[in-house]
Amino acid sequence: MRSNVSLFRTLGKGLGLCTDASSTRLAQKAVPALVATMSSTASDSEPSKAANYAAALGGILAGIFGASCVATANEVSDGLHAPHYPWPHEGVLDSYDHASIRRGHKVYQQVCAACHSMQYLHWRQLVGVCYTEEEAKELAAETEVEDGPNDEGEMFTRPGRLFDAFPSPYANEQAARYANGGAYPPDLTLISGARHNGQNYIFSLLTGYRDPPAGISVREGLYYNPYFPGGAIAMPRMLVDGGVEYDDGTPSSASQQAKDVVTFLTWSCYPYQDEMRVMGIKACLMITILIGFAAYSKRLRWAPVKSQRIVMDVVN
């Protein structure tokens, strides 16, 4: 009986150190059974032993409460884990939705480009993916690019061309921080691969804005988003229903805009994904054929050579 009391006390101390919410839930399921066991045992024991069991139960409950608090604090600091969404380009035999890439670029251009740069992406990369060459030239010409020096040694501006990179909204990092209250908007070219659970995280972040729950206050200039580490983000909710008008007539809901811009950002991070999958399938087929030839050669061509016997007739 003393060993049981020691076990319960040790369990209570261990639960106090738990930081995983799943461990807390398992412990919470086990508490009713422990309470029933302790009640039946304490009824047949002395008052001092019943007090020991009560102390052990108190330790268990305190440990569960402390672990729950720690797990909640970790979820706030790290952000909620984004759920997995069925993206149409995730399968081995699937490819990018190029219409979605085109719509996603429009969302980026009209919504995201005001604060976020894509300095590693060039206009020429859009040709044959979501725009024709003429359309890409027209989009590039709408931007002004600083070039030079000219013959007089001065810098000048010219219309953008296909070989130019996407323009940055700010001249430098200091200007970006000054315009955004100290926050620095990250470059989005490789953002899908730079974040854990990339495209699911970005989609959840863009659609996860909500009012802060009771007991949580967000300082002025920040917005509550449970998927962002810390729960407070400097970027306000940017995607609203009907905020972008699509050329192909697709309903422009906030979730549709988020899905399209995430597809575009995933393509910008992995632009050769479709070609790599085709190459991988061809390589697998070639390896399969080579394995078949190797098996045939091993089994039929070399079998007679390896199984032959040499008989030596020794003549006296």
Protein backbone atom coordinates (compact mmCIF):
# COMPACT_ATOMS: atom_id res chain seq x y z
CA MET A 1 0.00 0.00 0.00
CA ARG A 2 2.87 2.35 0.75
CA SER A 3 4.29 1.57 -2.67
CA ASN A 4 0.98 2.61 -4.25
CA VAL A 5 1.06 5.94 -2.40
CA SER A 6 4.64 6.52 -3.51
CA LEU A 7 3.64 5.67 -7.08
CA PHE A 8 0.81 8.20 -7.07
CA ARG A 9 3.02 10.90 -5.57
CA THR A 10 5.69 10.26 -8.21
CA LEU A 11 3.03 10.39 -10.92
CA GLY A 12 1.83 13.72 -9.60
CA LYS A 13 5.35 15.17 -9.67
CA GLY A 14 5.92 13.84 -13.18
CA LEU A 15 2.72 15.37 -14.49
CA GLY A 16 3.85 18.71 -13.13
CA LEU A 17 6.79 18.54 -15.55
CA CYS A 18 4.71 17.55 -18.59
CA THR A 19 4.76 19.98 -21.50
CA ASP A 20 2.89 17.89 -24.03
CA ALA A 21 -0.85 18.31 -24.31
CA SER A 22 -1.29 14.69 -25.44
CA SER A 23 0.34 13.45 -22.23
CA THR A 24 -2.02 15.63 -20.25
CA ARG A 25 -5.06 14.20 -22.02
CA LEU A 26 -3.89 10.65 -21.31
CA ALA A 27 -3.42 11.49 -17.66
CA GLN A 28 -6.87 13.07 -17.47
CA LYS A 29 -8.40 9.85 -18.81
CA ALA A 30 -6.54 7.82 -16.18
CA VAL A 31 -7.59 9.96 -13.20
CA PRO A 32 -11.15 8.53 -12.79
CA ALA A 33 -9.78 4.98 -12.59
CA LEU A 34 -7.19 6.06 -10.05
CA VAL A 35 -9.81 7.84 -7.98
CA ALA A 36 -12.03 4.74 -7.94
CA THR A 37 -9.12 2.54 -6.89
CA MET A 38 -8.06 4.90 -4.14
CA SER A 39 -11.62 5.24 -2.84
CA SER A 40 -12.13 1.48 -2.56
CA THR A 41 -8.76 1.02 -0.90
CA ALA A 42 -9.09 3.95 1.47
CA SER A 43 -12.45 2.73 2.76
CA ASP A 44 -10.78 -0.36 4.23
CA SER A 45 -7.66 1.35 5.57
CA GLU A 46 -6.79 3.62 8.43
CA PRO A 47 -7.49 7.39 8.40
CA SER A 48 -3.79 8.22 7.98
CA LYS A 49 -3.55 6.08 4.87
CA ALA A 50 -6.67 7.71 3.45
CA ALA A 51 -5.02 11.09 3.98
CA ASN A 52 -1.96 9.88 2.07
CA TYR A 53 -4.15 8.82 -0.82
CA ALA A 54 -5.88 12.19 -0.78
CA ALA A 55 -2.50 13.93 -0.89
CA ALA A 56 -1.46 11.76 -3.83
CA LEU A 57 -4.69 12.62 -5.69
CA GLY A 58 -4.06 16.30 -5.04
CA GLY A 59 -0.58 15.98 -6.52
CA ILE A 60 -1.97 14.31 -9.63
CA LEU A 61 -4.60 17.00 -10.17
CA ALA A 62 -2.03 19.76 -9.59
CA GLY A 63 0.30 18.15 -12.09
CA ILE A 64 -2.45 17.92 -14.70
CA PHE A 65 -3.37 21.57 -14.19
CA GLY A 66 0.26 22.68 -14.42
CA ALA A 67 0.90 20.60 -17.55
CA SER A 68 -2.20 22.05 -19.19
CA CYS A 69 -0.99 25.57 -18.48
CA VAL A 70 2.47 24.84 -19.86
CA ALA A 71 1.04 23.19 -22.99
CA THR A 72 -1.24 26.17 -23.59
CA ALA A 73 1.70 28.55 -23.21
CA ASN A 74 3.72 26.54 -25.72
CA GLU A 75 0.86 26.59 -28.22
CA VAL A 76 0.66 30.37 -27.94
CA SER A 77 4.41 30.87 -28.33
CA ASP A 78 4.80 28.44 -31.24
CA GLY A 79 1.42 29.00 -32.87
CA LEU A 80 -1.23 26.43 -33.70
CA HIS A 81 -0.17 23.62 -35.98
CA ALA A 82 -1.73 24.18 -39.40
CA PRO A 83 -4.01 21.38 -40.62
CA HIS A 84 -3.23 19.52 -43.81
CA TYR A 85 -5.22 20.54 -46.88
CA PRO A 86 -5.68 18.43 -50.05
CA TRP A 87 -3.58 20.44 -52.49
CA PRO A 88 -4.13 19.32 -56.11
CA HIS A 89 -0.39 19.38 -56.94
CA GLU A 90 0.85 17.16 -54.09
CA GLY A 91 0.45 13.75 -55.70
CA VAL A 92 3.30 12.01 -57.49
CA LEU A 93 1.37 12.08 -60.77
CA ASP A 94 -0.16 15.52 -60.20
CA SER A 95 0.97 18.84 -61.65
CA TYR A 96 0.44 22.51 -60.86
CA ASP A 97 -2.87 24.15 -61.63
CA HIS A 98 -1.59 26.86 -63.97
CA ALA A 99 -4.88 28.74 -63.91
CA SER A 100 -4.54 28.92 -60.13
CA ILE A 101 -0.94 30.15 -60.51
CA ARG A 102 -2.17 32.96 -62.77
CA ARG A 103 -4.89 33.94 -60.31
CA GLY A 104 -2.40 33.71 -57.44
CA HIS A 105 -0.02 36.08 -59.20
CA LYS A 106 -2.86 38.55 -59.57
CA VAL A 107 -3.61 38.30 -55.85
CA TYR A 108 0.06 38.87 -55.07
CA GLN A 109 0.26 41.81 -57.45
CA GLN A 110 -2.86 43.55 -56.12
CA VAL A 111 -2.65 42.64 -52.43
CA CYS A 112 0.76 41.37 -51.33
CA ALA A 113 3.16 43.37 -53.51
CA ALA A 114 2.48 46.56 -51.58
CA CYS A 115 4.58 45.24 -48.67
CA HIS A 116 6.30 41.99 -49.73
CA SER A 117 9.01 41.59 -52.34
CA MET A 118 9.83 38.63 -54.58
CA GLN A 119 13.33 39.65 -55.57
CA TYR A 120 14.41 36.17 -56.72
CA LEU A 121 11.62 35.84 -59.30
CA HIS A 122 11.92 37.31 -62.80
CA TRP A 123 9.25 38.19 -65.32
CA ARG A 124 10.63 35.73 -67.86
CA GLN A 125 9.81 32.84 -65.52
CA LEU A 126 6.10 33.54 -65.94
CA VAL A 127 6.25 32.91 -69.70
CA GLY A 128 4.66 29.59 -70.56
CA VAL A 129 3.53 29.04 -66.97
CA CYS A 130 0.70 31.49 -66.46
CA TYR A 131 1.20 34.15 -69.16
CA THR A 132 2.16 34.34 -72.79
CA GLU A 133 5.33 36.18 -73.75
CA GLU A 134 3.39 39.26 -74.84
CA GLU A 135 1.37 39.34 -71.61
CA ALA A 136 4.52 39.01 -69.53
CA LYS A 137 6.17 41.85 -71.47
CA GLU A 138 3.16 44.08 -70.82
CA LEU A 139 3.23 43.31 -67.10
CA ALA A 140 6.97 43.98 -66.92
CA ALA A 141 6.59 47.27 -68.81
CA GLU A 142 4.14 48.54 -66.18
CA THR A 143 7.01 48.72 -63.65
CA GLU A 144 9.82 51.27 -63.51
CA VAL A 145 13.37 49.95 -63.10
CA GLU A 146 16.41 52.01 -62.15
CA ASP A 147 19.22 51.41 -64.61
CA GLY A 148 22.47 52.99 -65.64
CA PRO A 149 24.72 54.77 -65.53
CA ASN A 150 24.18 56.40 -68.93
CA ASP A 151 26.79 58.15 -71.04
CA GLU A 152 26.67 61.10 -68.65
CA GLY A 153 27.28 58.91 -65.62
CA GLU A 154 23.76 59.31 -64.23
CA MET A 155 21.21 56.69 -63.24
CA PHE A 156 17.90 56.61 -65.06
CA THR A 157 14.61 54.74 -64.99
CA ARG A 158 13.19 52.64 -67.78
CA PRO A 159 10.22 50.31 -68.28
CA GLY A 160 10.77 46.81 -66.98
CA ARG A 161 11.76 43.95 -69.26
CA LEU A 162 11.48 40.19 -69.10
CA PHE A 163 14.96 39.73 -67.65
CA ASP A 164 14.22 42.08 -64.72
CA ALA A 165 13.33 40.79 -61.27
CA PHE A 166 10.07 41.65 -59.56
CA PRO A 167 10.31 45.16 -58.10
CA SER A 168 10.69 45.65 -54.36
CA PRO A 169 8.16 47.93 -52.62
CA TYR A 170 10.88 49.51 -50.44
CA ALA A 171 14.33 50.87 -51.15
CA ASN A 172 15.94 49.02 -48.23
CA GLU A 173 15.17 47.15 -45.00
CA GLN A 174 15.16 50.30 -42.86
CA ALA A 175 12.50 51.89 -45.05
CA ALA A 176 10.42 48.71 -44.85
CA ARG A 177 10.62 48.61 -41.05
CA TYR A 178 9.79 52.31 -40.74
CA ALA A 179 6.69 51.90 -42.90
CA ASN A 180 5.47 48.84 -40.96
CA GLY A 181 6.00 49.88 -37.36
CA GLY A 182 9.29 48.05 -36.94
CA ALA A 183 8.16 44.80 -38.57
CA TYR A 184 10.03 43.63 -41.66
CA PRO A 185 7.84 41.97 -44.33
CA PRO A 186 9.74 38.89 -45.53
CA ASP A 187 10.51 38.17 -49.15
CA LEU A 188 7.95 35.69 -50.51
CA THR A 189 9.92 34.00 -53.29
CA LEU A 190 10.94 31.01 -51.15
CA ILE A 191 8.51 31.45 -48.26
CA SER A 192 6.66 28.21 -49.00
CA GLY A 193 9.83 26.21 -48.39
CA ALA A 194 11.19 28.42 -45.61
CA ARG A 195 8.30 27.73 -43.23
CA HIS A 196 7.45 24.44 -41.56
CA ASN A 197 4.43 22.84 -43.25
CA GLY A 198 4.81 25.65 -45.80
CA GLN A 199 1.68 25.91 -47.92
CA ASN A 200 -0.65 24.69 -45.15
CA TYR A 201 0.86 27.23 -42.75
CA ILE A 202 0.52 30.13 -45.19
CA PHE A 203 -3.09 29.24 -46.03
CA SER A 204 -4.00 28.91 -42.35
CA LEU A 205 -2.26 32.19 -41.56
CA LEU A 206 -4.08 34.10 -44.31
CA THR A 207 -7.49 32.73 -43.30
CA GLY A 208 -6.92 32.43 -39.52
CA TYR A 209 -7.62 35.98 -38.36
CA ARG A 210 -10.20 36.22 -35.59
CA ASP A 211 -11.05 38.19 -32.47
CA PRO A 212 -8.78 37.45 -29.50
CA PRO A 213 -10.39 35.10 -26.96
CA ALA A 214 -11.28 36.17 -23.45
CA GLY A 215 -8.24 36.81 -21.31
CA ILE A 216 -5.88 37.58 -24.21
CA SER A 217 -5.10 41.18 -25.10
CA VAL A 218 -3.25 42.31 -28.21
CA ARG A 219 -1.43 45.62 -28.18
CA GLU A 220 -2.31 48.36 -30.61
CA GLY A 221 -0.95 47.83 -34.10
CA LEU A 222 -1.04 44.03 -33.89
CA TYR A 223 -3.74 41.56 -34.89
CA TYR A 224 -4.64 38.23 -33.32
CA ASN A 225 -3.86 35.15 -35.38
CA PRO A 226 -3.44 31.82 -33.53
CA TYR A 227 -1.31 30.34 -36.33
CA PHE A 228 1.38 33.00 -36.01
CA PRO A 229 4.05 32.42 -33.32
CA GLY A 230 3.07 34.49 -30.32
CA GLY A 231 -0.50 34.91 -31.57
CA ALA A 232 -0.02 38.57 -32.59
CA ILE A 233 0.99 39.65 -36.09
CA ALA A 234 1.63 43.10 -37.53
CA MET A 235 -0.05 42.27 -40.85
CA PRO A 236 -3.81 42.94 -40.84
CA ARG A 237 -6.31 40.71 -42.58
CA MET A 238 -5.72 41.40 -46.27
CA LEU A 239 -7.97 38.92 -48.08
CA VAL A 240 -11.69 39.68 -48.16
CA ASP A 241 -14.48 38.28 -50.30
CA GLY A 242 -14.51 40.02 -53.66
CA GLY A 243 -11.25 41.84 -53.01
CA VAL A 244 -9.74 40.67 -56.32
CA GLU A 245 -11.64 40.28 -59.57
CA TYR A 246 -10.53 37.22 -61.52
CA ASP A 247 -10.38 37.33 -65.32
CA ASP A 248 -11.72 33.79 -65.72
CA GLY A 249 -14.84 34.43 -63.62
CA THR A 250 -13.79 32.29 -60.64
CA PRO A 251 -15.66 33.37 -57.46
CA SER A 252 -13.25 35.56 -55.53
CA SER A 253 -13.83 34.41 -51.98
CA ALA A 254 -11.18 34.99 -49.32
CA SER A 255 -10.37 31.27 -49.13
CA GLN A 256 -10.13 31.04 -52.93
CA GLN A 257 -7.70 33.96 -52.99
CA ALA A 258 -5.64 32.33 -50.24
CA LYS A 259 -5.57 29.02 -52.11
CA ASP A 260 -4.48 30.69 -55.36
CA VAL A 261 -1.75 32.84 -53.84
CA VAL A 262 -0.40 29.83 -51.91
CA THR A 263 -0.27 27.86 -55.17
CA PHE A 264 1.62 30.74 -56.79
CA LEU A 265 4.07 30.97 -53.88
CA THR A 266 4.60 27.20 -53.92
CA TRP A 267 5.39 27.35 -57.63
CA SER A 268 7.83 30.24 -57.08
CA CYS A 269 9.66 28.11 -54.51
CA TYR A 270 9.57 24.88 -56.57
CA PRO A 271 9.28 26.04 -60.21
CA TYR A 272 10.70 22.78 -61.63
CA GLN A 273 8.56 20.40 -59.59
CA ASP A 274 6.58 19.08 -62.58
CA GLU A 275 9.72 18.51 -64.68
CA MET A 276 11.44 16.74 -61.78
CA ARG A 277 8.47 14.41 -61.33
CA VAL A 278 8.44 13.52 -65.03
CA MET A 279 12.19 12.88 -64.87
CA GLY A 280 11.73 10.74 -61.77
CA ILE A 281 9.02 8.64 -63.44
CA LYS A 282 11.25 8.11 -66.49
CA ALA A 283 14.15 7.14 -64.24
CA CYS A 284 12.01 4.61 -62.37
CA LEU A 285 10.82 3.06 -65.65
CA MET A 286 14.39 2.85 -66.95
CA ILE A 287 15.64 1.28 -63.72
CA THR A 288 12.80 -1.27 -63.87
CA ILE A 289 13.75 -2.23 -67.43
CA LEU A 290 17.43 -2.53 -66.49
CA ILE A 291 16.55 -4.72 -63.51
CA GLY A 292 14.57 -6.99 -65.86
CA PHE A 293 17.51 -7.33 -68.25
CA ALA A 294 19.86 -7.99 -65.33
CA ALA A 295 17.57 -10.69 -63.96
CA TYR A 296 17.31 -12.32 -67.39
CA SER A 297 21.07 -12.26 -67.83
CA LYS A 298 21.64 -13.67 -64.38
CA ARG A 299 19.05 -16.43 -64.63
CA LEU A 300 19.30 -17.63 -68.24
CA ARG A 301 22.56 -16.40 -69.74
CA TRP A 302 24.95 -17.12 -66.90
CA ALA A 303 23.14 -20.09 -65.36
CA PRO A 304 24.65 -22.66 -67.80
CA VAL A 305 28.11 -21.24 -67.25
CA LYS A 306 27.82 -21.38 -63.47
CA SER A 307 26.18 -24.81 -63.37
CA GLN A 308 28.51 -26.64 -65.77
CA ARG A 309 30.72 -29.38 -64.43
CA ILE A 310 34.22 -30.27 -65.51
CA VAL A 311 35.04 -33.98 -65.47
CA MET A 312 38.65 -35.01 -65.43
CA ASP A 313 39.49 -38.49 -66.67
CA VAL A 314 42.79 -39.43 -65.18
CA VAL A 315 44.62 -41.96 -67.31
CA ASN A 316 47.00 -44.18 -65.44
